[in-house]
Each structure stands twice: as C-alpha cells, then as structure tokens.
C-alpha cells in the first residue's frame, strides 16, 4: 500500500521533478481535466470529491513512509486543487484550462487566507490536501466570475 500511496501522491512521478514539482503536478491534472470535460458539472464534482479523498489518504501514507510533513514530492494535492478550480467552467478549451492553471498556481503559491491557515494548522494528509482544495475553491469562484464577465472568452478571441 505504501508503494501505491507514493505513486498516487507523486501524481505518477511528477512530484519527483527537481524543478517546480507543484507546477508539474498541476500540469498532470490539465489533460485529466480535459479528458473529463464531457462530464456534467455534478459528475465532475463527484470525481473531484473522490479524488480528494484518495489524495488525503495517499498524502498521509506517503508522508508517514518518508517521515516528512507535506513533502515536496507530494503533488496529488495540486491535481485535486486544479480539478476544483475547473469544476464549474468549460473544461474543453485551452483558454479555460490555461487560465485555471495560472490562477490555481498563483493561489497555491500566495496562500491567501484561509489557505495559509489550513496549510499551517491541519495535520497529516488533511493539511497537505485541503489547503490546495481551498485554493481550488477560491480559484473556482474566480473562474466563474471571469467566465461570467467574458474575460476568458475575450482572452481566447472567442468574442
């Protein structure tokens, strides 16, 4: 089970990147989100919740196996955070995928409240994953607003 947890926690190895492993973990999520673009929002939300539960387990087991807390190699939290960011907007166009990527990475890096608090105060796999989930939820709200006001469509030249 430790091996499976490490494979999942590192997003199939993306977390082993010597440069920007969190960005690499988020990059793994982009084709996954695009592949699930045809799912209605409610089904995509269910997949995201299940993936988040698996991520919490994998992060917790991997951290304990490595004797760390929030090890840099654990990037499954970026995968589920990006999935949350993309939950309620179109997931089948490059402009939405790219905007969500940049927005999520910004929020995950800056960690505005309450994201930073979650990161610092929640133990184990919960803390590892839920701060990114919070960043994803804030990203989702921002993406909805950007979509509502046509900013992403304008970026893509879609009018």
N, C-alpha and C. Protein backbone atom coordinates (compact mmCIF):
# COMPACT_ATOMS: atom_id res chain seq x y z
N UNK A 1 0.82 -1.20 0.00
CA UNK A 1 0.00 0.00 0.00
C UNK A 1 0.86 1.26 0.00
N UNK A 2 2.05 1.20 0.63
CA UNK A 2 2.93 2.37 0.65
C UNK A 2 3.38 2.74 -0.75
N UNK A 3 3.66 1.72 -1.56
CA UNK A 3 4.10 1.98 -2.93
C UNK A 3 2.99 2.64 -3.72
N UNK A 4 1.78 2.13 -3.61
CA UNK A 4 0.63 2.73 -4.30
C UNK A 4 0.41 4.16 -3.83
N UNK A 5 0.49 4.39 -2.54
CA UNK A 5 0.31 5.73 -1.99
C UNK A 5 1.36 6.69 -2.55
N UNK A 6 2.61 6.24 -2.65
CA UNK A 6 3.67 7.10 -3.19
C UNK A 6 3.45 7.41 -4.67
N UNK A 7 3.01 6.40 -5.41
CA UNK A 7 2.74 6.62 -6.84
C UNK A 7 1.63 7.65 -7.01
N UNK A 8 0.56 7.50 -6.24
CA UNK A 8 -0.56 8.45 -6.32
C UNK A 8 -0.15 9.82 -5.78
N UNK A 9 0.53 9.84 -4.64
CA UNK A 9 0.91 11.11 -4.01
C UNK A 9 1.82 11.93 -4.91
N UNK A 10 2.65 11.28 -5.69
CA UNK A 10 3.56 11.99 -6.59
C UNK A 10 2.93 12.22 -7.97
N UNK A 11 1.65 11.94 -8.10
CA UNK A 11 0.95 12.09 -9.39
C UNK A 11 1.70 11.36 -10.50
N UNK A 12 1.89 10.07 -10.27
CA UNK A 12 2.57 9.18 -11.21
C UNK A 12 4.02 9.59 -11.46
N UNK A 13 4.64 10.20 -10.47
CA UNK A 13 6.05 10.55 -10.56
C UNK A 13 6.34 12.02 -10.81
N UNK A 14 5.34 12.82 -11.12
CA UNK A 14 5.56 14.25 -11.40
C UNK A 14 6.21 14.95 -10.21
N UNK A 15 5.92 14.49 -9.01
CA UNK A 15 6.47 15.11 -7.81
C UNK A 15 7.97 14.92 -7.66
N UNK A 16 8.56 14.04 -8.43
CA UNK A 16 10.00 13.84 -8.37
C UNK A 16 10.76 14.86 -9.23
N UNK A 17 10.05 15.74 -9.90
CA UNK A 17 10.71 16.76 -10.71
C UNK A 17 11.62 17.60 -9.83
N UNK A 18 12.88 17.81 -10.25
CA UNK A 18 13.78 18.62 -9.43
C UNK A 18 13.46 20.12 -9.49
N UNK A 19 12.65 20.51 -10.46
CA UNK A 19 12.28 21.92 -10.62
C UNK A 19 10.76 22.02 -10.59
N UNK A 20 10.24 22.87 -9.72
CA UNK A 20 8.81 23.19 -9.64
C UNK A 20 7.90 21.96 -9.63
N UNK A 21 8.08 21.07 -8.65
CA UNK A 21 7.24 19.87 -8.63
C UNK A 21 5.74 20.18 -8.51
N UNK A 22 5.37 21.24 -7.80
CA UNK A 22 3.96 21.60 -7.69
C UNK A 22 3.37 21.99 -9.03
N UNK A 23 4.14 22.72 -9.80
CA UNK A 23 3.70 23.09 -11.15
C UNK A 23 3.59 21.86 -12.03
N UNK A 24 4.54 20.94 -11.89
CA UNK A 24 4.49 19.68 -12.66
C UNK A 24 3.26 18.87 -12.26
N UNK A 25 2.95 18.85 -10.97
CA UNK A 25 1.75 18.14 -10.51
C UNK A 25 0.49 18.74 -11.08
N UNK A 26 0.44 20.07 -11.13
CA UNK A 26 -0.72 20.73 -11.72
C UNK A 26 -0.80 20.41 -13.22
N UNK A 27 0.36 20.37 -13.87
CA UNK A 27 0.39 20.07 -15.31
C UNK A 27 -0.17 18.68 -15.60
N UNK A 28 0.05 17.73 -14.69
CA UNK A 28 -0.53 16.39 -14.84
C UNK A 28 -2.05 16.46 -14.85
N UNK A 29 -2.60 17.39 -14.09
CA UNK A 29 -4.05 17.50 -13.96
C UNK A 29 -4.72 18.07 -15.21
N UNK A 30 -4.00 18.85 -15.99
CA UNK A 30 -4.62 19.50 -17.16
C UNK A 30 -5.20 18.49 -18.14
N UNK A 31 -4.44 17.51 -18.61
CA UNK A 31 -5.04 16.54 -19.54
C UNK A 31 -6.14 15.70 -18.88
N UNK A 32 -6.02 15.46 -17.59
CA UNK A 32 -7.06 14.73 -16.87
C UNK A 32 -8.37 15.52 -16.88
N UNK A 33 -8.30 16.79 -16.56
CA UNK A 33 -9.49 17.65 -16.56
C UNK A 33 -10.06 17.74 -17.97
N UNK A 34 -9.19 17.90 -18.95
CA UNK A 34 -9.66 17.98 -20.34
C UNK A 34 -10.35 16.67 -20.76
N UNK A 35 -9.78 15.54 -20.34
CA UNK A 35 -10.36 14.24 -20.69
C UNK A 35 -11.75 14.05 -20.06
N UNK A 36 -11.98 14.71 -18.94
CA UNK A 36 -13.27 14.60 -18.25
C UNK A 36 -14.21 15.76 -18.61
N UNK A 37 -13.87 16.52 -19.63
CA UNK A 37 -14.64 17.71 -19.99
C UNK A 37 -16.09 17.42 -20.36
N UNK A 38 -16.36 16.24 -20.88
CA UNK A 38 -17.73 15.92 -21.30
C UNK A 38 -18.65 15.62 -20.13
N UNK A 39 -18.09 15.38 -18.95
CA UNK A 39 -18.93 15.10 -17.79
C UNK A 39 -19.70 16.34 -17.38
N UNK A 40 -20.97 16.18 -17.02
CA UNK A 40 -21.69 17.32 -16.45
C UNK A 40 -21.02 17.74 -15.14
N UNK A 41 -21.24 18.97 -14.74
CA UNK A 41 -20.58 19.52 -13.55
C UNK A 41 -20.79 18.65 -12.32
N UNK A 42 -21.99 18.10 -12.13
CA UNK A 42 -22.25 17.31 -10.93
C UNK A 42 -21.43 16.02 -10.92
N UNK A 43 -21.24 15.40 -12.09
CA UNK A 43 -20.43 14.19 -12.16
C UNK A 43 -18.95 14.52 -11.98
N UNK A 44 -18.51 15.63 -12.57
CA UNK A 44 -17.13 16.06 -12.39
C UNK A 44 -16.87 16.37 -10.91
N UNK A 45 -17.85 16.95 -10.24
CA UNK A 45 -17.72 17.24 -8.80
C UNK A 45 -17.57 15.95 -8.00
N UNK A 46 -18.33 14.93 -8.34
CA UNK A 46 -18.21 13.65 -7.64
C UNK A 46 -16.81 13.06 -7.85
N UNK A 47 -16.32 13.09 -9.07
CA UNK A 47 -14.98 12.59 -9.36
C UNK A 47 -13.95 13.38 -8.54
N UNK A 48 -14.13 14.69 -8.46
CA UNK A 48 -13.20 15.54 -7.72
C UNK A 48 -13.22 15.22 -6.22
N UNK A 49 -14.41 15.00 -5.66
CA UNK A 49 -14.52 14.66 -4.24
C UNK A 49 -13.87 13.30 -3.96
N UNK A 50 -14.12 12.33 -4.82
CA UNK A 50 -13.50 11.01 -4.64
C UNK A 50 -11.98 11.12 -4.78
N UNK A 51 -11.53 11.86 -5.78
CA UNK A 51 -10.08 12.05 -5.97
C UNK A 51 -9.47 12.76 -4.76
N UNK A 52 -10.19 13.69 -4.17
CA UNK A 52 -9.69 14.40 -2.98
C UNK A 52 -9.55 13.44 -1.80
N UNK A 53 -10.51 12.57 -1.61
CA UNK A 53 -10.43 11.59 -0.52
C UNK A 53 -9.24 10.66 -0.73
N UNK A 54 -9.04 10.21 -1.95
CA UNK A 54 -7.89 9.35 -2.26
C UNK A 54 -6.59 10.13 -2.05
N UNK A 55 -6.57 11.40 -2.42
CA UNK A 55 -5.38 12.24 -2.26
C UNK A 55 -5.02 12.40 -0.79
N UNK A 56 -6.02 12.60 0.07
CA UNK A 56 -5.77 12.73 1.50
C UNK A 56 -5.11 11.46 2.04
N UNK A 57 -5.67 10.32 1.66
CA UNK A 57 -5.10 9.04 2.08
C UNK A 57 -3.66 8.89 1.57
N UNK A 58 -3.45 9.12 0.26
CA UNK A 58 -2.14 8.92 -0.34
C UNK A 58 -1.11 9.87 0.26
N UNK A 59 -1.48 11.12 0.47
CA UNK A 59 -0.54 12.09 1.05
C UNK A 59 -0.16 11.69 2.47
N UNK A 60 -1.14 11.25 3.23
CA UNK A 60 -0.88 10.85 4.61
C UNK A 60 0.05 9.64 4.67
N UNK A 61 -0.25 8.62 3.90
CA UNK A 61 0.56 7.40 3.90
C UNK A 61 1.97 7.69 3.37
N UNK A 62 2.07 8.46 2.29
CA UNK A 62 3.38 8.77 1.72
C UNK A 62 4.23 9.59 2.69
N UNK A 63 3.62 10.60 3.31
CA UNK A 63 4.37 11.41 4.27
C UNK A 63 4.90 10.57 5.43
N UNK A 64 4.05 9.68 5.95
CA UNK A 64 4.49 8.82 7.04
C UNK A 64 5.61 7.88 6.58
N UNK A 65 5.49 7.35 5.36
CA UNK A 65 6.51 6.45 4.84
C UNK A 65 7.85 7.16 4.67
N UNK A 66 7.81 8.43 4.26
CA UNK A 66 9.04 9.20 4.06
C UNK A 66 9.50 9.88 5.36
N UNK A 67 8.66 9.88 6.39
CA UNK A 67 9.00 10.54 7.64
C UNK A 67 9.00 12.06 7.51
N UNK A 68 8.10 12.58 6.70
CA UNK A 68 8.04 14.02 6.43
C UNK A 68 6.66 14.57 6.75
N UNK A 69 6.51 15.87 6.62
CA UNK A 69 5.19 16.50 6.62
C UNK A 69 5.11 17.42 5.42
N UNK A 70 4.14 17.17 4.56
CA UNK A 70 3.93 17.94 3.33
C UNK A 70 5.20 17.94 2.47
N UNK A 71 5.70 16.76 2.23
CA UNK A 71 6.88 16.56 1.40
C UNK A 71 6.67 17.19 0.03
N UNK A 72 7.71 17.82 -0.48
CA UNK A 72 7.64 18.49 -1.78
C UNK A 72 7.29 17.53 -2.91
N UNK A 73 7.59 16.24 -2.73
CA UNK A 73 7.28 15.25 -3.77
C UNK A 73 5.78 14.99 -3.88
N UNK A 74 5.03 15.31 -2.84
CA UNK A 74 3.58 15.08 -2.86
C UNK A 74 2.92 16.19 -3.65
N UNK A 75 2.37 15.82 -4.81
CA UNK A 75 1.74 16.81 -5.69
C UNK A 75 0.31 16.43 -6.07
N UNK A 76 -0.20 15.34 -5.51
CA UNK A 76 -1.59 14.96 -5.78
C UNK A 76 -2.54 16.04 -5.28
N UNK A 77 -2.10 16.82 -4.29
CA UNK A 77 -2.91 17.94 -3.80
C UNK A 77 -3.08 19.00 -4.88
N UNK A 78 -2.06 19.20 -5.70
CA UNK A 78 -2.19 20.14 -6.82
C UNK A 78 -3.17 19.61 -7.87
N UNK A 79 -3.17 18.31 -8.06
CA UNK A 79 -4.10 17.71 -9.03
C UNK A 79 -5.54 17.99 -8.61
N UNK A 80 -5.87 17.68 -7.36
CA UNK A 80 -7.27 17.87 -6.93
C UNK A 80 -7.61 19.35 -6.76
N UNK A 81 -6.62 20.17 -6.40
CA UNK A 81 -6.88 21.61 -6.32
C UNK A 81 -7.22 22.19 -7.68
N UNK A 82 -6.48 21.78 -8.71
CA UNK A 82 -6.78 22.24 -10.07
C UNK A 82 -8.14 21.72 -10.52
N UNK A 83 -8.45 20.48 -10.17
CA UNK A 83 -9.76 19.94 -10.53
C UNK A 83 -10.88 20.78 -9.91
N UNK A 84 -10.70 21.19 -8.66
CA UNK A 84 -11.70 22.05 -8.01
C UNK A 84 -11.81 23.39 -8.73
N UNK A 85 -10.69 23.95 -9.12
CA UNK A 85 -10.70 25.23 -9.84
C UNK A 85 -11.55 25.13 -11.11
N UNK A 86 -11.50 24.00 -11.77
CA UNK A 86 -12.14 23.85 -13.08
C UNK A 86 -13.54 23.25 -13.02
N UNK A 87 -14.07 23.04 -11.84
CA UNK A 87 -15.31 22.28 -11.69
C UNK A 87 -16.53 22.88 -12.37
N UNK A 88 -16.67 24.19 -12.36
CA UNK A 88 -17.93 24.79 -12.85
C UNK A 88 -17.76 25.69 -14.05
N UNK A 89 -16.69 25.50 -14.80
CA UNK A 89 -16.48 26.26 -16.04
C UNK A 89 -16.20 25.26 -17.16
N UNK A 90 -16.28 25.73 -18.42
CA UNK A 90 -15.95 24.81 -19.52
C UNK A 90 -14.54 24.25 -19.35
N UNK A 91 -14.42 22.96 -19.61
CA UNK A 91 -13.13 22.29 -19.44
C UNK A 91 -12.59 21.76 -20.77
N UNK A 92 -13.15 22.24 -21.86
CA UNK A 92 -12.77 21.69 -23.16
C UNK A 92 -12.08 22.71 -24.07
N UNK A 93 -11.66 23.84 -23.54
CA UNK A 93 -11.00 24.86 -24.36
C UNK A 93 -9.70 25.28 -23.69
N UNK A 94 -8.67 25.44 -24.49
CA UNK A 94 -7.35 25.77 -23.96
C UNK A 94 -7.35 27.02 -23.10
N UNK A 95 -8.16 28.02 -23.44
CA UNK A 95 -8.14 29.28 -22.69
C UNK A 95 -8.63 29.07 -21.26
N UNK A 96 -9.64 28.24 -21.08
CA UNK A 96 -10.13 27.95 -19.73
C UNK A 96 -9.10 27.12 -18.96
N UNK A 97 -8.55 26.10 -19.61
CA UNK A 97 -7.57 25.24 -18.97
C UNK A 97 -6.33 26.04 -18.54
N UNK A 98 -5.86 26.91 -19.43
CA UNK A 98 -4.66 27.71 -19.13
C UNK A 98 -4.94 28.75 -18.05
N UNK A 99 -6.08 29.41 -18.14
CA UNK A 99 -6.42 30.42 -17.13
C UNK A 99 -6.55 29.77 -15.76
N UNK A 100 -7.22 28.63 -15.71
CA UNK A 100 -7.35 27.91 -14.45
C UNK A 100 -6.00 27.47 -13.91
N UNK A 101 -5.11 27.05 -14.79
CA UNK A 101 -3.77 26.62 -14.38
C UNK A 101 -3.02 27.77 -13.72
N UNK A 102 -2.98 28.92 -14.39
CA UNK A 102 -2.25 30.08 -13.86
C UNK A 102 -2.89 30.56 -12.56
N UNK A 103 -4.21 30.64 -12.54
CA UNK A 103 -4.92 31.11 -11.36
C UNK A 103 -4.68 30.18 -10.17
N UNK A 104 -4.82 28.88 -10.39
CA UNK A 104 -4.60 27.94 -9.29
C UNK A 104 -3.17 28.00 -8.78
N UNK A 105 -2.19 28.04 -9.67
CA UNK A 105 -0.79 28.09 -9.23
C UNK A 105 -0.54 29.37 -8.42
N UNK A 106 -1.12 30.48 -8.84
CA UNK A 106 -0.96 31.74 -8.11
C UNK A 106 -1.54 31.62 -6.69
N UNK A 107 -2.76 31.12 -6.59
CA UNK A 107 -3.41 30.98 -5.28
C UNK A 107 -2.68 29.97 -4.40
N UNK A 108 -2.20 28.90 -4.99
CA UNK A 108 -1.49 27.88 -4.22
C UNK A 108 -0.15 28.40 -3.72
N UNK A 109 0.46 29.28 -4.46
CA UNK A 109 1.75 29.84 -4.07
C UNK A 109 1.61 30.95 -3.03
N UNK A 110 0.67 31.86 -3.27
CA UNK A 110 0.48 33.01 -2.38
C UNK A 110 -0.21 32.61 -1.08
N UNK A 111 -1.13 31.67 -1.16
CA UNK A 111 -1.88 31.16 0.00
C UNK A 111 -2.59 32.25 0.80
N UNK A 112 -3.51 32.98 0.15
CA UNK A 112 -4.26 33.99 0.91
C UNK A 112 -5.17 33.30 1.94
N UNK A 113 -5.59 34.04 2.96
CA UNK A 113 -6.48 33.44 3.96
C UNK A 113 -7.74 32.89 3.30
N UNK A 114 -8.24 31.78 3.72
CA UNK A 114 -7.81 30.92 4.83
C UNK A 114 -6.84 29.82 4.40
N UNK A 115 -6.34 29.89 3.18
CA UNK A 115 -5.50 28.81 2.64
C UNK A 115 -4.25 28.61 3.49
N UNK A 116 -3.57 29.69 3.84
CA UNK A 116 -2.36 29.60 4.65
C UNK A 116 -2.63 29.01 6.02
N UNK A 117 -3.77 29.39 6.62
CA UNK A 117 -4.13 28.86 7.94
C UNK A 117 -4.32 27.35 7.85
N UNK A 118 -5.04 26.89 6.84
CA UNK A 118 -5.26 25.44 6.67
C UNK A 118 -3.93 24.72 6.52
N UNK A 119 -3.04 25.30 5.70
CA UNK A 119 -1.73 24.70 5.46
C UNK A 119 -0.94 24.56 6.77
N UNK A 120 -1.04 25.53 7.64
CA UNK A 120 -0.24 25.54 8.87
C UNK A 120 -0.87 24.78 10.03
N UNK A 121 -2.20 24.61 10.03
CA UNK A 121 -2.86 24.09 11.22
C UNK A 121 -3.52 22.72 11.08
N UNK A 122 -3.71 22.23 9.89
CA UNK A 122 -4.36 20.93 9.75
C UNK A 122 -3.30 19.84 9.67
N UNK A 123 -3.49 18.76 10.41
CA UNK A 123 -2.48 17.71 10.46
C UNK A 123 -2.56 16.72 9.29
N UNK A 124 -1.47 16.02 9.07
CA UNK A 124 -1.43 14.89 8.16
C UNK A 124 -1.86 15.19 6.74
N UNK A 125 -2.42 14.16 6.12
CA UNK A 125 -2.88 14.27 4.74
C UNK A 125 -3.96 15.32 4.57
N UNK A 126 -4.74 15.56 5.64
CA UNK A 126 -5.79 16.59 5.57
C UNK A 126 -5.17 17.95 5.28
N UNK A 127 -4.13 18.31 6.01
CA UNK A 127 -3.49 19.60 5.81
C UNK A 127 -2.79 19.71 4.47
N UNK A 128 -2.18 18.60 4.05
CA UNK A 128 -1.47 18.58 2.78
C UNK A 128 -2.43 18.87 1.62
N UNK A 129 -3.61 18.27 1.67
CA UNK A 129 -4.54 18.33 0.55
C UNK A 129 -5.54 19.48 0.67
N UNK A 130 -6.05 19.74 1.86
CA UNK A 130 -7.15 20.70 1.98
C UNK A 130 -6.74 22.15 1.75
N UNK A 131 -5.47 22.50 1.95
CA UNK A 131 -5.08 23.87 1.60
C UNK A 131 -5.15 24.07 0.09
N UNK A 132 -4.75 23.05 -0.66
CA UNK A 132 -4.85 23.14 -2.12
C UNK A 132 -6.30 23.07 -2.58
N UNK A 133 -7.11 22.31 -1.86
CA UNK A 133 -8.53 22.27 -2.18
C UNK A 133 -9.16 23.63 -1.94
N UNK A 134 -8.77 24.30 -0.85
CA UNK A 134 -9.27 25.66 -0.59
C UNK A 134 -8.81 26.62 -1.68
N UNK A 135 -7.55 26.49 -2.11
CA UNK A 135 -7.07 27.32 -3.22
C UNK A 135 -7.89 27.03 -4.48
N UNK A 136 -8.22 25.75 -4.68
CA UNK A 136 -9.03 25.37 -5.83
C UNK A 136 -10.44 25.94 -5.76
N UNK A 137 -11.02 25.95 -4.58
CA UNK A 137 -12.37 26.50 -4.44
C UNK A 137 -12.37 28.02 -4.66
N UNK A 138 -11.35 28.70 -4.15
CA UNK A 138 -11.23 30.14 -4.41
C UNK A 138 -10.99 30.37 -5.90
N UNK A 139 -10.18 29.51 -6.50
CA UNK A 139 -9.96 29.59 -7.94
C UNK A 139 -11.24 29.35 -8.72
N UNK A 140 -12.06 28.41 -8.25
CA UNK A 140 -13.34 28.12 -8.92
C UNK A 140 -14.24 29.35 -8.92
N UNK A 141 -14.35 30.01 -7.79
CA UNK A 141 -15.19 31.21 -7.70
C UNK A 141 -14.65 32.29 -8.64
N UNK A 142 -13.34 32.44 -8.68
CA UNK A 142 -12.73 33.43 -9.57
C UNK A 142 -12.96 33.06 -11.03
N UNK A 143 -12.82 31.79 -11.36
CA UNK A 143 -13.06 31.34 -12.74
C UNK A 143 -14.51 31.59 -13.16
N UNK A 144 -15.45 31.34 -12.26
CA UNK A 144 -16.86 31.60 -12.56
C UNK A 144 -17.05 33.08 -12.87
N UNK A 145 -16.45 33.94 -12.06
CA UNK A 145 -16.57 35.38 -12.28
C UNK A 145 -15.93 35.79 -13.61
N UNK A 146 -14.73 35.29 -13.88
CA UNK A 146 -14.06 35.61 -15.14
C UNK A 146 -14.89 35.14 -16.33
N UNK A 147 -15.48 33.96 -16.21
CA UNK A 147 -16.32 33.43 -17.28
C UNK A 147 -17.59 34.27 -17.44
N UNK A 148 -18.21 34.62 -16.32
CA UNK A 148 -19.44 35.40 -16.35
C UNK A 148 -19.24 36.74 -17.07
N UNK A 149 -18.11 37.38 -16.82
CA UNK A 149 -17.84 38.68 -17.42
C UNK A 149 -17.15 38.58 -18.78
N UNK A 150 -16.95 37.37 -19.29
CA UNK A 150 -16.42 37.17 -20.63
C UNK A 150 -14.92 37.33 -20.75
N UNK A 151 -14.21 37.39 -19.64
CA UNK A 151 -12.77 37.64 -19.70
C UNK A 151 -12.01 36.49 -20.37
N UNK A 152 -12.40 35.28 -20.08
CA UNK A 152 -11.67 34.13 -20.65
C UNK A 152 -11.98 34.01 -22.14
N UNK A 153 -13.23 34.22 -22.51
CA UNK A 153 -13.59 34.18 -23.93
C UNK A 153 -12.87 35.28 -24.70
N UNK A 154 -12.73 36.43 -24.09
CA UNK A 154 -12.00 37.54 -24.75
C UNK A 154 -10.54 37.17 -24.93
N UNK A 155 -9.93 36.56 -23.91
CA UNK A 155 -8.55 36.12 -23.98
C UNK A 155 -8.35 35.16 -25.15
N UNK A 156 -9.31 34.30 -25.36
CA UNK A 156 -9.22 33.29 -26.41
C UNK A 156 -9.63 33.83 -27.77
N UNK A 157 -10.10 35.07 -27.82
CA UNK A 157 -10.57 35.64 -29.08
C UNK A 157 -11.89 35.05 -29.53
N UNK A 158 -12.69 34.59 -28.56
CA UNK A 158 -13.99 33.99 -28.87
C UNK A 158 -15.12 35.00 -28.82
N UNK A 159 -14.81 36.24 -28.54
CA UNK A 159 -15.84 37.29 -28.52
C UNK A 159 -16.39 37.57 -27.24
